[in-house]
Amino acid sequence: MLETAARAKNPRRFCFNPERGKSQAAALPKHQRSGKSYELLGICYRDGKGVAKDDAEAAKWVRKAAEQNFAQAQYELGVYYYDVWALITSKA
């Protein structure tokens, strides 16, 4: 999942707008939200950039992007689920 953050032009700016006091994606009107914006918001939550770090919230936003058939988000969600599965099975 780290690859996407590196590819984003300026994820920190997208994650938080100090003038508005909230994330850029959350500030967008619903009709302007895209799979990419949902994925970037998920990255913000995953990395704790501009918002509190929250893996569950990150997965929620990446899942929304994947549901919009955004291929990169589908891949990242699969990696996330695999990592969680590997963590659970290693403890068993």
C-alpha atoms as a PDB file:
ATOM      1  CA  MET A   1       0.000   0.000   0.000  1.00  0.00           C
ATOM      2  CA  LEU A   2       2.959   2.314   0.403  1.00  0.00           C
ATOM      3  CA  GLU A   3       3.457   2.530  -3.372  1.00  0.00           C
ATOM      4  CA  THR A   4       0.348   4.658  -3.850  1.00  0.00           C
ATOM      5  CA  ALA A   5       1.387   7.264  -1.303  1.00  0.00           C
ATOM      6  CA  ALA A   6       4.706   7.643  -3.087  1.00  0.00           C
ATOM      7  CA  ARG A   7       2.939   8.063  -6.458  1.00  0.00           C
ATOM      8  CA  ALA A   8       0.455  10.657  -5.222  1.00  0.00           C
ATOM      9  CA  LYS A   9       1.626  14.144  -6.198  1.00  0.00           C
ATOM     10  CA  ASN A  10       1.029  15.690  -2.793  1.00  0.00           C
ATOM     11  CA  PRO A  11      -0.886  13.383  -0.448  1.00  0.00           C
ATOM     12  CA  ARG A  12      -0.246  15.620   2.564  1.00  0.00           C
ATOM     13  CA  ARG A  13      -2.032  18.541   0.896  1.00  0.00           C
ATOM     14  CA  PHE A  14      -4.879  16.254  -0.106  1.00  0.00           C
ATOM     15  CA  CYS A  15      -5.147  14.814   3.389  1.00  0.00           C
ATOM     16  CA  PHE A  16      -5.704  18.033   5.256  1.00  0.00           C
ATOM     17  CA  ASN A  17      -6.645  21.560   4.399  1.00  0.00           C
ATOM     18  CA  PRO A  18      -5.856  23.799   7.398  1.00  0.00           C
ATOM     19  CA  GLU A  19      -8.159  26.532   6.079  1.00  0.00           C
ATOM     20  CA  ARG A  20     -11.150  24.206   6.137  1.00  0.00           C
ATOM     21  CA  GLY A  21     -10.043  22.080   9.059  1.00  0.00           C
ATOM     22  CA  LYS A  22     -10.894  18.805   7.327  1.00  0.00           C
ATOM     23  CA  SER A  23      -9.666  16.461   4.636  1.00  0.00           C
ATOM     24  CA  GLN A  24      -9.924  17.506   1.015  1.00  0.00           C
ATOM     25  CA  ALA A  25     -11.893  14.399   0.020  1.00  0.00           C
ATOM     26  CA  ALA A  26     -14.415  14.902   2.794  1.00  0.00           C
ATOM     27  CA  ALA A  27     -14.816  18.518   1.658  1.00  0.00           C
ATOM     28  CA  LEU A  28     -15.630  17.537  -1.938  1.00  0.00           C
ATOM     29  CA  PRO A  29     -19.274  17.503  -3.008  1.00  0.00           C
ATOM     30  CA  LYS A  30     -20.515  13.918  -3.262  1.00  0.00           C
ATOM     31  CA  HIS A  31     -20.735  14.001  -7.091  1.00  0.00           C
ATOM     32  CA  GLN A  32     -17.036  14.984  -7.335  1.00  0.00           C
ATOM     33  CA  ARG A  33     -15.707  12.157  -5.205  1.00  0.00           C
ATOM     34  CA  SER A  34     -13.848   9.544  -7.196  1.00  0.00           C
ATOM     35  CA  GLY A  35     -12.208   6.234  -6.497  1.00  0.00           C
ATOM     36  CA  LYS A  36      -8.852   8.003  -6.440  1.00  0.00           C
ATOM     37  CA  SER A  37     -10.021  10.560  -3.864  1.00  0.00           C
ATOM     38  CA  TYR A  38     -11.397   7.787  -1.641  1.00  0.00           C
ATOM     39  CA  GLU A  39      -8.146   5.865  -1.964  1.00  0.00           C
ATOM     40  CA  LEU A  40      -6.053   8.916  -1.077  1.00  0.00           C
ATOM     41  CA  LEU A  41      -8.239   9.574   1.952  1.00  0.00           C
ATOM     42  CA  GLY A  42      -7.658   5.962   3.011  1.00  0.00           C
ATOM     43  CA  ILE A  43      -3.912   6.543   2.678  1.00  0.00           C
ATOM     44  CA  CYS A  44      -4.210   9.627   4.863  1.00  0.00           C
ATOM     45  CA  TYR A  45      -5.886   7.588   7.613  1.00  0.00           C
ATOM     46  CA  ARG A  46      -3.444   4.706   7.209  1.00  0.00           C
ATOM     47  CA  ASP A  47      -0.394   6.965   7.493  1.00  0.00           C
ATOM     48  CA  GLY A  48      -1.886   9.456   9.966  1.00  0.00           C
ATOM     49  CA  LYS A  49      -1.283  12.441   7.672  1.00  0.00           C
ATOM     50  CA  GLY A  50      -3.588  15.324   8.530  1.00  0.00           C
ATOM     51  CA  VAL A  51      -5.905  13.005  10.462  1.00  0.00           C
ATOM     52  CA  ALA A  52      -5.512  10.574  13.347  1.00  0.00           C
ATOM     53  CA  LYS A  53      -4.009   7.237  12.255  1.00  0.00           C
ATOM     54  CA  ASP A  54      -6.839   4.695  12.025  1.00  0.00           C
ATOM     55  CA  ASP A  55      -6.476   1.405  10.138  1.00  0.00           C
ATOM     56  CA  ALA A  56     -10.205   0.625  10.239  1.00  0.00           C
ATOM     57  CA  GLU A  57     -11.088   4.028   8.778  1.00  0.00           C
ATOM     58  CA  ALA A  58      -8.343   3.598   6.167  1.00  0.00           C
ATOM     59  CA  ALA A  59      -9.785   0.242   5.098  1.00  0.00           C
ATOM     60  CA  LYS A  60     -13.278   1.778   4.900  1.00  0.00           C
ATOM     61  CA  TRP A  61     -12.170   4.462   2.438  1.00  0.00           C
ATOM     62  CA  VAL A  62     -10.018   2.135   0.329  1.00  0.00           C
ATOM     63  CA  ARG A  63     -12.971  -0.282   0.201  1.00  0.00           C
ATOM     64  CA  LYS A  64     -15.205   2.552  -1.088  1.00  0.00           C
ATOM     65  CA  ALA A  65     -12.674   3.203  -3.852  1.00  0.00           C
ATOM     66  CA  ALA A  66     -12.519  -0.508  -4.689  1.00  0.00           C
ATOM     67  CA  GLU A  67     -16.319  -0.655  -4.893  1.00  0.00           C
ATOM     68  CA  GLN A  68     -16.114   2.041  -7.589  1.00  0.00           C
ATOM     69  CA  ASN A  69     -13.937  -0.362  -9.619  1.00  0.00           C
ATOM     70  CA  PHE A  70     -10.765   1.615  -8.992  1.00  0.00           C
ATOM     71  CA  ALA A  71      -8.161  -1.050  -9.767  1.00  0.00           C
ATOM     72  CA  GLN A  72      -5.348   0.288  -7.575  1.00  0.00           C
ATOM     73  CA  ALA A  73      -7.683   0.369  -4.564  1.00  0.00           C
ATOM     74  CA  GLN A  74      -8.828  -3.187  -5.281  1.00  0.00           C
ATOM     75  CA  TYR A  75      -5.199  -4.279  -5.255  1.00  0.00           C
ATOM     76  CA  GLU A  76      -4.417  -2.354  -2.068  1.00  0.00           C
ATOM     77  CA  LEU A  77      -7.471  -3.751  -0.312  1.00  0.00           C
ATOM     78  CA  GLY A  78      -6.367  -7.258  -1.259  1.00  0.00           C
ATOM     79  CA  VAL A  79      -2.895  -6.591   0.163  1.00  0.00           C
ATOM     80  CA  TYR A  80      -4.459  -5.237   3.360  1.00  0.00           C
ATOM     81  CA  TYR A  81      -6.697  -8.297   3.758  1.00  0.00           C
ATOM     82  CA  TYR A  82      -3.760 -10.612   3.054  1.00  0.00           C
ATOM     83  CA  ASP A  83      -1.632  -8.853   5.685  1.00  0.00           C
ATOM     84  CA  VAL A  84      -4.417  -9.153   8.257  1.00  0.00           C
ATOM     85  CA  TRP A  85      -4.986 -12.820   7.359  1.00  0.00           C
ATOM     86  CA  ALA A  86      -1.246 -13.562   7.648  1.00  0.00           C
ATOM     87  CA  LEU A  87      -1.122 -11.857  11.038  1.00  0.00           C
ATOM     88  CA  ILE A  88      -4.099 -13.859  12.343  1.00  0.00           C
ATOM     89  CA  THR A  89      -2.850 -17.211  11.043  1.00  0.00           C
ATOM     90  CA  SER A  90       0.663 -16.638  12.394  1.00  0.00           C
ATOM     91  CA  LYS A  91      -0.768 -16.291  15.899  1.00  0.00           C
ATOM     92  CA  ALA A  92      -2.832 -19.477  15.631  1.00  0.00           C
END
